[in-house]
Protein backbone atom coordinates (compact mmCIF):
# COMPACT_ATOMS: atom_id res chain seq x y z
CA MET A 1 19.11 37.54 178.31
CA SER A 2 19.13 34.49 180.46
CA SER A 3 21.15 32.30 178.09
CA LEU A 4 24.01 34.73 177.58
CA SER A 5 27.16 33.14 176.17
CA PRO A 6 30.60 34.48 175.20
CA GLU A 7 29.61 34.00 171.56
CA MET A 8 26.47 36.07 172.02
CA VAL A 9 28.43 38.87 173.71
CA THR A 10 30.94 38.84 170.83
CA SER A 11 28.16 38.84 168.25
CA VAL A 12 26.37 41.82 169.82
CA VAL A 13 29.60 43.85 170.16
CA ILE A 14 30.57 43.20 166.52
CA GLN A 15 27.02 43.91 165.34
CA VAL A 16 26.90 47.28 167.10
CA LEU A 17 30.43 48.17 165.98
CA ARG A 18 29.53 47.48 162.35
CA THR A 19 26.76 50.11 162.58
CA LEU A 20 29.37 52.68 163.65
CA LEU A 21 32.11 51.86 161.14
CA PRO A 22 32.34 52.30 157.36
CA ARG A 23 30.54 49.49 155.52
CA ASP A 24 33.71 47.85 154.24
CA HIS A 25 35.41 47.66 157.63
CA VAL A 26 35.19 44.41 159.58
CA PRO A 27 36.34 44.89 163.18
CA ARG A 28 38.86 42.42 164.58
CA LEU A 29 39.02 41.42 168.24
CA SER A 30 42.51 42.93 168.51
CA ASP A 31 41.44 46.32 167.13
CA ARG A 32 41.88 49.21 169.53
CA LEU A 33 38.63 51.17 169.67
CA ILE A 34 40.23 54.59 169.42
CA ASP A 35 43.59 54.05 167.74
CA ASP A 36 42.68 51.40 165.15
CA LEU A 37 38.96 51.90 164.60
CA GLU A 38 39.22 55.67 165.16
CA LEU A 39 35.91 55.78 167.00
CA PRO A 40 35.09 59.33 168.08
CA SER A 41 34.18 59.59 171.75
CA ASP A 42 30.49 60.04 170.89
CA ASP A 43 30.51 56.76 168.95
CA GLY A 44 32.35 55.07 171.81
CA THR A 45 29.57 56.17 174.12
CA VAL A 46 26.93 54.91 171.67
CA LEU A 47 28.78 51.58 171.45
CA LEU A 48 28.87 51.15 175.23
CA LEU A 49 25.25 52.18 175.74
CA ASP A 50 23.85 50.07 172.89
CA VAL A 51 25.78 46.95 173.84
CA GLN A 52 24.83 47.23 177.51
CA ARG A 53 21.18 47.80 176.59
CA LYS A 54 21.06 44.83 174.20
CA LEU A 55 22.74 42.52 176.70
CA LYS A 56 20.90 43.94 179.72
CA LEU A 57 24.20 44.55 181.50
CA CYS A 58 25.77 47.56 183.16
CA LEU A 59 29.54 47.89 183.16
CA SER A 60 31.14 49.52 186.17
CA ASP A 61 33.23 52.65 185.69
CA ASP A 62 36.33 50.58 186.50
CA ALA A 63 35.45 48.05 183.81
CA VAL A 64 34.90 50.78 181.22
CA GLN A 65 38.27 52.34 182.12
CA SER A 66 39.99 49.03 181.29
CA VAL A 67 38.52 48.76 177.77
CA PHE A 68 40.94 49.54 174.95
CA THR A 69 40.28 46.82 172.37
CA VAL A 70 37.24 45.05 171.03
CA GLN A 71 38.31 41.97 173.00
CA ASP A 72 38.64 44.05 176.18
CA LEU A 73 35.02 45.14 175.79
CA ILE A 74 33.85 41.58 175.22
CA ASP A 75 35.82 40.37 178.24
CA ALA A 76 34.47 43.14 180.48
CA LEU A 77 30.89 42.40 179.42
CA TRP A 78 31.32 38.66 179.91
CA GLN A 79 32.88 39.17 183.34
CA THR A 80 29.99 41.43 184.31
CA ALA A 81 27.51 38.84 183.08
CA GLN A 82 29.19 36.16 185.18
CA THR A 83 29.11 38.25 188.36
CA LYS A 84 25.45 39.11 187.73
CA ARG A 85 24.38 35.48 188.09
């Protein structure tokens, strides 16, 4: 994705999250992936893999370790996209 923007990263993360959550749940940027959204580790892995695949990015292990909230994931992906340029 050559025209990657922060809005696109956010959209993809929310889109993938919505496939993993109950239909009536709308994830917020401040939601913690494990504590608030109660994502099982398998779903967390699916989230990371799907988002990286859709955005054609690869988060470092250090970046993944720093992800606790939806916003953290978006920030880590955006930072990775910026360093990829």
